[in-house]
Amino acid sequence: MFDAEDELVEARTANAFGADPRAAPNSPRHLGELSARLRKERQQGYAVASEEVEVGLTSVGVPVRSRHGHILAVLKVSGPTPRMSNRVESLAKLLIYGVRRG
């Protein structure tokens, strides 16, 4: 959803919020929260999921784009939240650097 228009994000997630009682504590709770996160991630060029999928897990990901700008894949690093929380920005910079060199 990194590059998706807001309308498409809304259409794909309309019934997702609150549907899973096992959702991790930092999962977006409504469309407005998800949209705000996506806007921030698009602006900074990377996404962070800290205890959004699983308690104790943090991930940092950057899009891998074609020469035409289309997302082909995502390069991601995941690890235990206590080890990742102070390293998110530096890991994101390394991932962005790696993708640009590739």
PDB file of N, CA and C in Angstrom:
ATOM      1  N   MET A   1       0.805  -1.194   0.000  1.00  0.00           N
ATOM      2  CA  MET A   1       0.000   0.000   0.000  1.00  0.00           C
ATOM      3  C   MET A   1       0.848   1.258   0.000  1.00  0.00           C
ATOM      4  N   PHE A   2       2.141   1.072  -0.033  1.00  0.00           N
ATOM      5  CA  PHE A   2       3.063   2.198   0.063  1.00  0.00           C
ATOM      6  C   PHE A   2       2.784   3.263  -0.995  1.00  0.00           C
ATOM      7  N   ASP A   3       2.473   2.851  -2.228  1.00  0.00           N
ATOM      8  CA  ASP A   3       2.219   3.794  -3.312  1.00  0.00           C
ATOM      9  C   ASP A   3       0.748   3.919  -3.681  1.00  0.00           C
ATOM     10  N   ALA A   4      -0.113   3.208  -2.995  1.00  0.00           N
ATOM     11  CA  ALA A   4      -1.530   3.200  -3.351  1.00  0.00           C
ATOM     12  C   ALA A   4      -2.211   4.531  -3.032  1.00  0.00           C
ATOM     13  N   GLU A   5      -3.164   4.895  -3.877  1.00  0.00           N
ATOM     14  CA  GLU A   5      -3.992   6.079  -3.626  1.00  0.00           C
ATOM     15  C   GLU A   5      -4.857   5.830  -2.394  1.00  0.00           C
ATOM     16  N   ASP A   6      -5.216   6.914  -1.692  1.00  0.00           N
ATOM     17  CA  ASP A   6      -6.006   6.794  -0.472  1.00  0.00           C
ATOM     18  C   ASP A   6      -7.314   6.022  -0.688  1.00  0.00           C
ATOM     19  N   GLU A   7      -7.963   6.221  -1.847  1.00  0.00           N
ATOM     20  CA  GLU A   7      -9.225   5.533  -2.132  1.00  0.00           C
ATOM     21  C   GLU A   7      -9.030   4.021  -2.205  1.00  0.00           C
ATOM     22  N   LEU A   8      -7.923   3.597  -2.792  1.00  0.00           N
ATOM     23  CA  LEU A   8      -7.636   2.166  -2.893  1.00  0.00           C
ATOM     24  C   LEU A   8      -7.330   1.586  -1.510  1.00  0.00           C
ATOM     25  N   VAL A   9      -6.578   2.316  -0.715  1.00  0.00           N
ATOM     26  CA  VAL A   9      -6.291   1.869   0.659  1.00  0.00           C
ATOM     27  C   VAL A   9      -7.597   1.701   1.422  1.00  0.00           C
ATOM     28  N   GLU A  10      -8.487   2.666   1.296  1.00  0.00           N
ATOM     29  CA  GLU A  10      -9.775   2.594   1.989  1.00  0.00           C
ATOM     30  C   GLU A  10     -10.586   1.387   1.508  1.00  0.00           C
ATOM     31  N   ALA A  11     -10.626   1.168   0.204  1.00  0.00           N
ATOM     32  CA  ALA A  11     -11.390   0.048  -0.340  1.00  0.00           C
ATOM     33  C   ALA A  11     -10.841  -1.302   0.131  1.00  0.00           C
ATOM     34  N   ARG A  12      -9.532  -1.402   0.223  1.00  0.00           N
ATOM     35  CA  ARG A  12      -8.912  -2.684   0.601  1.00  0.00           C
ATOM     36  C   ARG A  12      -8.936  -2.957   2.105  1.00  0.00           C
ATOM     37  N   THR A  13      -9.142  -1.925   2.898  1.00  0.00           N
ATOM     38  CA  THR A  13      -9.082  -2.104   4.359  1.00  0.00           C
ATOM     39  C   THR A  13     -10.395  -1.797   5.063  1.00  0.00           C
ATOM     40  N   ALA A  14     -11.442  -1.542   4.314  1.00  0.00           N
ATOM     41  CA  ALA A  14     -12.715  -1.098   4.891  1.00  0.00           C
ATOM     42  C   ALA A  14     -13.218  -1.997   6.016  1.00  0.00           C
ATOM     43  N   ASN A  15     -13.063  -3.291   5.867  1.00  0.00           N
ATOM     44  CA  ASN A  15     -13.586  -4.228   6.872  1.00  0.00           C
ATOM     45  C   ASN A  15     -12.508  -4.806   7.769  1.00  0.00           C
ATOM     46  N   ALA A  16     -11.300  -4.280   7.693  1.00  0.00           N
ATOM     47  CA  ALA A  16     -10.180  -4.890   8.413  1.00  0.00           C
ATOM     48  C   ALA A  16     -10.034  -4.406   9.852  1.00  0.00           C
ATOM     49  N   PHE A  17     -10.463  -3.215  10.149  1.00  0.00           N
ATOM     50  CA  PHE A  17     -10.211  -2.648  11.471  1.00  0.00           C
ATOM     51  C   PHE A  17     -11.129  -3.260  12.514  1.00  0.00           C
ATOM     52  N   GLY A  18     -10.493  -3.761  13.578  1.00  0.00           N
ATOM     53  CA  GLY A  18     -11.233  -4.373  14.663  1.00  0.00           C
ATOM     54  C   GLY A  18     -11.699  -5.789  14.379  1.00  0.00           C
ATOM     55  N   ALA A  19     -11.382  -6.305  13.189  1.00  0.00           N
ATOM     56  CA  ALA A  19     -11.852  -7.637  12.810  1.00  0.00           C
ATOM     57  C   ALA A  19     -11.095  -8.756  13.517  1.00  0.00           C
ATOM     58  N   ASP A  20      -9.860  -8.512  13.878  1.00  0.00           N
ATOM     59  CA  ASP A  20      -9.029  -9.561  14.479  1.00  0.00           C
ATOM     60  C   ASP A  20      -8.772  -9.229  15.945  1.00  0.00           C
ATOM     61  N   PRO A  21      -9.360  -9.953  16.854  1.00  0.00           N
ATOM     62  CA  PRO A  21      -9.156  -9.673  18.281  1.00  0.00           C
ATOM     63  C   PRO A  21      -7.718  -9.930  18.736  1.00  0.00           C
ATOM     64  N   ARG A  22      -6.937 -10.623  17.904  1.00  0.00           N
ATOM     65  CA  ARG A  22      -5.540 -10.908  18.248  1.00  0.00           C
ATOM     66  C   ARG A  22      -4.589  -9.846  17.721  1.00  0.00           C
ATOM     67  N   ALA A  23      -5.119  -8.751  17.190  1.00  0.00           N
ATOM     68  CA  ALA A  23      -4.269  -7.715  16.604  1.00  0.00           C
ATOM     69  C   ALA A  23      -3.249  -7.217  17.626  1.00  0.00           C
ATOM     70  N   ALA A  24      -2.052  -6.973  17.146  1.00  0.00           N
ATOM     71  CA  ALA A  24      -0.974  -6.485  18.015  1.00  0.00           C
ATOM     72  C   ALA A  24      -1.306  -5.075  18.515  1.00  0.00           C
ATOM     73  N   PRO A  25      -0.675  -4.652  19.614  1.00  0.00           N
ATOM     74  CA  PRO A  25      -1.059  -3.390  20.264  1.00  0.00           C
ATOM     75  C   PRO A  25      -0.867  -2.131  19.422  1.00  0.00           C
ATOM     76  N   ASN A  26       0.057  -2.138  18.489  1.00  0.00           N
ATOM     77  CA  ASN A  26       0.306  -0.926  17.699  1.00  0.00           C
ATOM     78  C   ASN A  26      -0.292  -0.981  16.300  1.00  0.00           C
ATOM     79  N   SER A  27      -1.152  -1.962  16.047  1.00  0.00           N
ATOM     80  CA  SER A  27      -1.829  -2.035  14.752  1.00  0.00           C
ATOM     81  C   SER A  27      -2.725  -0.810  14.591  1.00  0.00           C
ATOM     82  N   PRO A  28      -2.834  -0.283  13.368  1.00  0.00           N
ATOM     83  CA  PRO A  28      -3.750   0.847  13.167  1.00  0.00           C
ATOM     84  C   PRO A  28      -5.171   0.438  13.542  1.00  0.00           C
ATOM     85  N   ARG A  29      -5.872   1.305  14.219  1.00  0.00           N
ATOM     86  CA  ARG A  29      -7.214   0.993  14.713  1.00  0.00           C
ATOM     87  C   ARG A  29      -8.329   1.518  13.809  1.00  0.00           C
ATOM     88  N   HIS A  30      -7.983   2.429  12.883  1.00  0.00           N
ATOM     89  CA  HIS A  30      -8.992   2.978  11.970  1.00  0.00           C
ATOM     90  C   HIS A  30      -8.281   3.532  10.733  1.00  0.00           C
ATOM     91  N   LEU A  31      -9.072   3.814   9.716  1.00  0.00           N
ATOM     92  CA  LEU A  31      -8.525   4.252   8.439  1.00  0.00           C
ATOM     93  C   LEU A  31      -7.703   5.535   8.565  1.00  0.00           C
ATOM     94  N   GLY A  32      -8.147   6.464   9.370  1.00  0.00           N
ATOM     95  CA  GLY A  32      -7.413   7.717   9.542  1.00  0.00           C
ATOM     96  C   GLY A  32      -6.005   7.488  10.069  1.00  0.00           C
ATOM     97  N   GLU A  33      -5.874   6.583  11.015  1.00  0.00           N
ATOM     98  CA  GLU A  33      -4.554   6.255  11.572  1.00  0.00           C
ATOM     99  C   GLU A  33      -3.667   5.586  10.521  1.00  0.00           C
ATOM    100  N   LEU A  34      -4.226   4.658   9.765  1.00  0.00           N
ATOM    101  CA  LEU A  34      -3.469   3.994   8.707  1.00  0.00           C
ATOM    102  C   LEU A  34      -3.029   5.003   7.650  1.00  0.00           C
ATOM    103  N   SER A  35      -3.924   5.872   7.242  1.00  0.00           N
ATOM    104  CA  SER A  35      -3.608   6.883   6.225  1.00  0.00           C
ATOM    105  C   SER A  35      -2.503   7.822   6.691  1.00  0.00           C
ATOM    106  N   ALA A  36      -2.552   8.234   7.939  1.00  0.00           N
ATOM    107  CA  ALA A  36      -1.513   9.113   8.486  1.00  0.00           C
ATOM    108  C   ALA A  36      -0.158   8.410   8.493  1.00  0.00           C
ATOM    109  N   ARG A  37      -0.146   7.143   8.866  1.00  0.00           N
ATOM    110  CA  ARG A  37       1.111   6.372   8.863  1.00  0.00           C
ATOM    111  C   ARG A  37       1.665   6.247   7.444  1.00  0.00           C
ATOM    112  N   LEU A  38       0.797   5.948   6.494  1.00  0.00           N
ATOM    113  CA  LEU A  38       1.247   5.804   5.109  1.00  0.00           C
ATOM    114  C   LEU A  38       1.817   7.118   4.570  1.00  0.00           C
ATOM    115  N   ARG A  39       1.168   8.228   4.879  1.00  0.00           N
ATOM    116  CA  ARG A  39       1.684   9.534   4.433  1.00  0.00           C
ATOM    117  C   ARG A  39       3.081   9.785   4.996  1.00  0.00           C
ATOM    118  N   LYS A  40       3.261   9.500   6.277  1.00  0.00           N
ATOM    119  CA  LYS A  40       4.570   9.695   6.907  1.00  0.00           C
ATOM    120  C   LYS A  40       5.617   8.784   6.276  1.00  0.00           C
ATOM    121  N   GLU A  41       5.263   7.530   6.082  1.00  0.00           N
ATOM    122  CA  GLU A  41       6.209   6.566   5.512  1.00  0.00           C
ATOM    123  C   GLU A  41       6.591   6.931   4.082  1.00  0.00           C
ATOM    124  N   ARG A  42       5.624   7.376   3.308  1.00  0.00           N
ATOM    125  CA  ARG A  42       5.926   7.800   1.933  1.00  0.00           C
ATOM    126  C   ARG A  42       6.890   8.982   1.934  1.00  0.00           C
ATOM    127  N   GLN A  43       6.657   9.907   2.837  1.00  0.00           N
ATOM    128  CA  GLN A  43       7.504  11.096   2.915  1.00  0.00           C
ATOM    129  C   GLN A  43       8.933  10.738   3.326  1.00  0.00           C
ATOM    130  N   GLN A  44       9.092   9.853   4.276  1.00  0.00           N
ATOM    131  CA  GLN A  44      10.432   9.505   4.755  1.00  0.00           C
ATOM    132  C   GLN A  44      11.112   8.455   3.891  1.00  0.00           C
ATOM    133  N   GLY A  45      10.348   7.747   3.052  1.00  0.00           N
ATOM    134  CA  GLY A  45      10.933   6.785   2.133  1.00  0.00           C
ATOM    135  C   GLY A  45      11.111   5.388   2.696  1.00  0.00           C
ATOM    136  N   TYR A  46      10.594   5.126   3.872  1.00  0.00           N
ATOM    137  CA  TYR A  46      10.663   3.797   4.470  1.00  0.00           C
ATOM    138  C   TYR A  46       9.487   3.588   5.413  1.00  0.00           C
ATOM    139  N   ALA A  47       9.202   2.324   5.688  1.00  0.00           N
ATOM    140  CA  ALA A  47       8.100   1.970   6.578  1.00  0.00           C
ATOM    141  C   ALA A  47       8.638   1.276   7.818  1.00  0.00           C
ATOM    142  N   VAL A  48       7.969   1.506   8.923  1.00  0.00           N
ATOM    143  CA  VAL A  48       8.317   0.868  10.191  1.00  0.00           C
ATOM    144  C   VAL A  48       7.066   0.191  10.739  1.00  0.00           C
ATOM    145  N   ALA A  49       7.208  -1.050  11.156  1.00  0.00           N
ATOM    146  CA  ALA A  49       6.131  -1.757  11.831  1.00  0.00           C
ATOM    147  C   ALA A  49       6.686  -2.205  13.175  1.00  0.00           C
ATOM    148  N   SER A  50       6.353  -1.472  14.209  1.00  0.00           N
ATOM    149  CA  SER A  50       6.838  -1.799  15.545  1.00  0.00           C
ATOM    150  C   SER A  50       5.677  -2.330  16.372  1.00  0.00           C
ATOM    151  N   GLU A  51       5.687  -3.630  16.576  1.00  0.00           N
ATOM    152  CA  GLU A  51       4.642  -4.330  17.312  1.00  0.00           C
ATOM    153  C   GLU A  51       3.270  -4.097  16.686  1.00  0.00           C
ATOM    154  N   GLU A  52       3.237  -3.991  15.354  1.00  0.00           N
ATOM    155  CA  GLU A  52       1.980  -3.874  14.618  1.00  0.00           C
ATOM    156  C   GLU A  52       1.495  -5.233  14.150  1.00  0.00           C
ATOM    157  N   VAL A  53       2.431  -6.139  13.919  1.00  0.00           N
ATOM    158  CA  VAL A  53       2.087  -7.473  13.441  1.00  0.00           C
ATOM    159  C   VAL A  53       2.176  -8.479  14.583  1.00  0.00           C
ATOM    160  N   GLU A  54       3.204  -8.330  15.384  1.00  0.00           N
ATOM    161  CA  GLU A  54       3.441  -9.270  16.480  1.00  0.00           C
ATOM    162  C   GLU A  54       4.098  -8.515  17.636  1.00  0.00           C
ATOM    163  N   VAL A  55       3.664  -8.796  18.839  1.00  0.00           N
ATOM    164  CA  VAL A  55       4.262  -8.192  20.022  1.00  0.00           C
ATOM    165  C   VAL A  55       5.730  -8.591  20.089  1.00  0.00           C
ATOM    166  N   GLY A  56       6.605  -7.608  20.292  1.00  0.00           N
ATOM    167  CA  GLY A  56       8.029  -7.886  20.415  1.00  0.00           C
ATOM    168  C   GLY A  56       8.798  -7.863  19.109  1.00  0.00           C
ATOM    169  N   LEU A  57       8.125  -7.584  17.986  1.00  0.00           N
ATOM    170  CA  LEU A  57       8.765  -7.584  16.679  1.00  0.00           C
ATOM    171  C   LEU A  57       8.698  -6.199  16.041  1.00  0.00           C
ATOM    172  N   THR A  58       9.832  -5.713  15.559  1.00  0.00           N
ATOM    173  CA  THR A  58       9.900  -4.451  14.829  1.00  0.00           C
ATOM    174  C   THR A  58      10.574  -4.701  13.491  1.00  0.00           C
ATOM    175  N   SER A  59      10.025  -4.097  12.439  1.00  0.00           N
ATOM    176  CA  SER A  59      10.567  -4.235  11.089  1.00  0.00           C
ATOM    177  C   SER A  59      10.741  -2.858  10.461  1.00  0.00           C
ATOM    178  N   VAL A  60      11.760  -2.756   9.620  1.00  0.00           N
ATOM    179  CA  VAL A  60      12.004  -1.546   8.828  1.00  0.00           C
ATOM    180  C   VAL A  60      12.117  -2.006   7.384  1.00  0.00           C
ATOM    181  N   GLY A  61      11.375  -1.364   6.479  1.00  0.00           N
ATOM    182  CA  GLY A  61      11.401  -1.775   5.085  1.00  0.00           C
ATOM    183  C   GLY A  61      11.466  -0.601   4.135  1.00  0.00           C
ATOM    184  N   VAL A  62      12.125  -0.805   3.007  1.00  0.00           N
ATOM    185  CA  VAL A  62      12.205   0.216   1.959  1.00  0.00           C
ATOM    186  C   VAL A  62      11.800  -0.418   0.628  1.00  0.00           C
ATOM    187  N   PRO A  63      11.140   0.360  -0.221  1.00  0.00           N
ATOM    188  CA  PRO A  63      10.748  -0.188  -1.521  1.00  0.00           C
ATOM    189  C   PRO A  63      11.942  -0.310  -2.459  1.00  0.00           C
ATOM    190  N   VAL A  64      11.933  -1.372  -3.242  1.00  0.00           N
ATOM    191  CA  VAL A  64      12.902  -1.553  -4.318  1.00  0.00           C
ATOM    192  C   VAL A  64      12.137  -1.235  -5.600  1.00  0.00           C
ATOM    193  N   ARG A  65      12.588  -0.219  -6.317  1.00  0.00           N
ATOM    194  CA  ARG A  65      11.838   0.267  -7.474  1.00  0.00           C
ATOM    195  C   ARG A  65      12.527  -0.051  -8.794  1.00  0.00           C
ATOM    196  N   SER A  66      11.708  -0.165  -9.826  1.00  0.00           N
ATOM    197  CA  SER A  66      12.228  -0.325 -11.182  1.00  0.00           C
ATOM    198  C   SER A  66      12.756   1.027 -11.650  1.00  0.00           C
ATOM    199  N   ARG A  67      13.395   1.031 -12.782  1.00  0.00           N
ATOM    200  CA  ARG A  67      13.896   2.315 -13.303  1.00  0.00           C
ATOM    201  C   ARG A  67      12.753   3.248 -13.671  1.00  0.00           C
ATOM    202  N   HIS A  68      11.527   2.703 -13.749  1.00  0.00           N
ATOM    203  CA  HIS A  68      10.353   3.514 -14.048  1.00  0.00           C
ATOM    204  C   HIS A  68       9.632   3.965 -12.772  1.00  0.00           C
ATOM    205  N   GLY A  69      10.161   3.574 -11.620  1.00  0.00           N
ATOM    206  CA  GLY A  69       9.597   3.999 -10.347  1.00  0.00           C
ATOM    207  C   GLY A  69       8.569   3.069  -9.735  1.00  0.00           C
ATOM    208  N   HIS A  70       8.298   1.940 -10.370  1.00  0.00           N
ATOM    209  CA  HIS A  70       7.323   0.992  -9.840  1.00  0.00           C
ATOM    210  C   HIS A  70       7.973   0.119  -8.767  1.00  0.00           C
ATOM    211  N   ILE A  71       7.228  -0.173  -7.712  1.00  0.00           N
ATOM    212  CA  ILE A  71       7.747  -1.031  -6.655  1.00  0.00           C
ATOM    213  C   ILE A  71       7.799  -2.471  -7.149  1.00  0.00           C
ATOM    214  N   LEU A  72       8.991  -3.043  -7.079  1.00  0.00           N
ATOM    215  CA  LEU A  72       9.213  -4.432  -7.485  1.00  0.00           C
ATOM    216  C   LEU A  72       9.257  -5.373  -6.286  1.00  0.00           C
ATOM    217  N   ALA A  73       9.791  -4.862  -5.172  1.00  0.00           N
ATOM    218  CA  ALA A  73       9.988  -5.678  -3.975  1.00  0.00           C
ATOM    219  C   ALA A  73      10.190  -4.743  -2.786  1.00  0.00           C
ATOM    220  N   VAL A  74      10.396  -5.351  -1.650  1.00  0.00           N
ATOM    221  CA  VAL A  74      10.706  -4.591  -0.429  1.00  0.00           C
ATOM    222  C   VAL A  74      11.914  -5.243   0.219  1.00  0.00           C
ATOM    223  N   LEU A  75      12.869  -4.412   0.619  1.00  0.00           N
ATOM    224  CA  LEU A  75      14.022  -4.883   1.383  1.00  0.00           C
ATOM    225  C   LEU A  75      13.722  -4.554   2.844  1.00  0.00           C
ATOM    226  N   LYS A  76      13.738  -5.577   3.695  1.00  0.00           N
ATOM    227  CA  LYS A  76      13.266  -5.404   5.068  1.00  0.00           C
ATOM    228  C   LYS A  76      14.208  -6.076   6.051  1.00  0.00           C
ATOM    229  N   VAL A  77      14.316  -5.459   7.212  1.00  0.00           N
ATOM    230  CA  VAL A  77      15.054  -6.035   8.333  1.00  0.00           C
ATOM    231  C   VAL A  77      14.087  -6.102   9.514  1.00  0.00           C
ATOM    232  N   SER A  78      14.049  -7.234  10.181  1.00  0.00           N
ATOM    233  CA  SER A  78      13.183  -7.423  11.346  1.00  0.00           C
ATOM    234  C   SER A  78      13.999  -7.945  12.505  1.00  0.00           C
ATOM    235  N   GLY A  79      13.542  -7.641  13.700  1.00  0.00           N
ATOM    236  CA  GLY A  79      14.211  -8.143  14.881  1.00  0.00           C
ATOM    237  C   GLY A  79      13.423  -7.844  16.134  1.00  0.00           C
ATOM    238  N   PRO A  80      13.924  -8.287  17.269  1.00  0.00           N
ATOM    239  CA  PRO A  80      13.252  -8.027  18.539  1.00  0.00           C
ATOM    240  C   PRO A  80      13.188  -6.516  18.808  1.00  0.00           C
ATOM    241  N   THR A  81      12.044  -6.041  19.218  1.00  0.00           N
ATOM    242  CA  THR A  81      11.834  -4.612  19.451  1.00  0.00           C
ATOM    243  C   THR A  81      12.898  -3.996  20.361  1.00  0.00           C
ATOM    244  N   PRO A  82      13.298  -4.632  21.460  1.00  0.00           N
ATOM    245  CA  PRO A  82      14.313  -3.998  22.310  1.00  0.00           C
ATOM    246  C   PRO A  82      15.639  -3.740  21.582  1.00  0.00           C
ATOM    247  N   ARG A  83      15.979  -4.577  20.608  1.00  0.00           N
ATOM    248  CA  ARG A  83      17.229  -4.400  19.864  1.00  0.00           C
ATOM    249  C   ARG A  83      17.068  -3.450  18.683  1.00  0.00           C
ATOM    250  N   MET A  84      15.836  -3.283  18.210  1.00  0.00           N
ATOM    251  CA  MET A  84      15.581  -2.486  17.007  1.00  0.00           C
ATOM    252  C   MET A  84      15.171  -1.042  17.292  1.00  0.00           C
ATOM    253  N   SER A  85      14.538  -0.806  18.417  1.00  0.00           N
ATOM    254  CA  SER A  85      13.885   0.488  18.643  1.00  0.00           C
ATOM    255  C   SER A  85      14.821   1.688  18.545  1.00  0.00           C
ATOM    256  N   ASN A  86      16.055   1.559  18.975  1.00  0.00           N
ATOM    257  CA  ASN A  86      17.003   2.682  18.898  1.00  0.00           C
ATOM    258  C   ASN A  86      17.774   2.707  17.588  1.00  0.00           C
ATOM    259  N   ARG A  87      17.491   1.766  16.700  1.00  0.00           N
ATOM    260  CA  ARG A  87      18.254   1.645  15.449  1.00  0.00           C
ATOM    261  C   ARG A  87      17.412   1.861  14.196  1.00  0.00           C
ATOM    262  N   VAL A  88      16.153   2.167  14.344  1.00  0.00           N
ATOM    263  CA  VAL A  88      15.253   2.246  13.198  1.00  0.00           C
ATOM    264  C   VAL A  88      15.763   3.207  12.132  1.00  0.00           C
ATOM    265  N   GLU A  89      16.079   4.422  12.513  1.00  0.00           N
ATOM    266  CA  GLU A  89      16.507   5.421  11.529  1.00  0.00           C
ATOM    267  C   GLU A  89      17.819   5.032  10.854  1.00  0.00           C
ATOM    268  N   SER A  90      18.789   4.542  11.624  1.00  0.00           N
ATOM    269  CA  SER A  90      20.070   4.167  11.014  1.00  0.00           C
ATOM    270  C   SER A  90      19.909   2.949  10.107  1.00  0.00           C
ATOM    271  N   LEU A  91      19.060   2.001  10.482  1.00  0.00           N
ATOM    272  CA  LEU A  91      18.797   0.850   9.620  1.00  0.00           C
ATOM    273  C   LEU A  91      18.096   1.281   8.337  1.00  0.00           C
ATOM    274  N   ALA A  92      17.149   2.199   8.468  1.00  0.00           N
ATOM    275  CA  ALA A  92      16.446   2.700   7.280  1.00  0.00           C
ATOM    276  C   ALA A  92      17.434   3.361   6.318  1.00  0.00           C
ATOM    277  N   LYS A  93      18.352   4.145   6.838  1.00  0.00           N
ATOM    278  CA  LYS A  93      19.351   4.793   5.979  1.00  0.00           C
ATOM    279  C   LYS A  93      20.220   3.762   5.263  1.00  0.00           C
ATOM    280  N   LEU A  94      20.616   2.716   5.979  1.00  0.00           N
ATOM    281  CA  LEU A  94      21.413   1.653   5.362  1.00  0.00           C
ATOM    282  C   LEU A  94      20.626   0.918   4.270  1.00  0.00           C
ATOM    283  N   LEU A  95      19.374   0.636   4.538  1.00  0.00           N
ATOM    284  CA  LEU A  95      18.546  -0.039   3.548  1.00  0.00           C
ATOM    285  C   LEU A  95      18.353   0.830   2.306  1.00  0.00           C
ATOM    286  N   ILE A  96      18.083   2.106   2.512  1.00  0.00           N
ATOM    287  CA  ILE A  96      17.905   3.029   1.391  1.00  0.00           C
ATOM    288  C   ILE A  96      19.184   3.098   0.577  1.00  0.00           C
ATOM    289  N   TYR A  97      20.316   3.184   1.250  1.00  0.00           N
ATOM    290  CA  TYR A  97      21.603   3.218   0.561  1.00  0.00           C
ATOM    291  C   TYR A  97      21.798   1.942  -0.261  1.00  0.00           C
ATOM    292  N   GLY A  98      21.500   0.808   0.343  1.00  0.00           N
ATOM    293  CA  GLY A  98      21.659  -0.465  -0.349  1.00  0.00           C
ATOM    294  C   GLY A  98      20.775  -0.584  -1.584  1.00  0.00           C
ATOM    295  N   VAL A  99      19.550  -0.129  -1.475  1.00  0.00           N
ATOM    296  CA  VAL A  99      18.632  -0.182  -2.601  1.00  0.00           C
ATOM    297  C   VAL A  99      19.098   0.743  -3.729  1.00  0.00           C
ATOM    298  N   ARG A 100      19.566   1.891  -3.381  1.00  0.00           N
ATOM    299  CA  ARG A 100      20.021   2.846  -4.403  1.00  0.00           C
ATOM    300  C   ARG A 100      21.284   2.378  -5.118  1.00  0.00           C
ATOM    301  N   ARG A 101      22.128   1.641  -4.418  1.00  0.00           N
ATOM    302  CA  ARG A 101      23.366   1.127  -5.036  1.00  0.00           C
ATOM    303  C   ARG A 101      23.083  -0.057  -5.925  1.00  0.00           C
ATOM    304  N   GLY A 102      22.014  -0.811  -5.571  1.00  0.00           N
ATOM    305  CA  GLY A 102      21.713  -2.048  -6.254  1.00  0.00           C
ATOM    306  C   GLY A 102      21.423  -1.866  -7.689  1.00  0.00           C
TER     307      GLY A 102
END
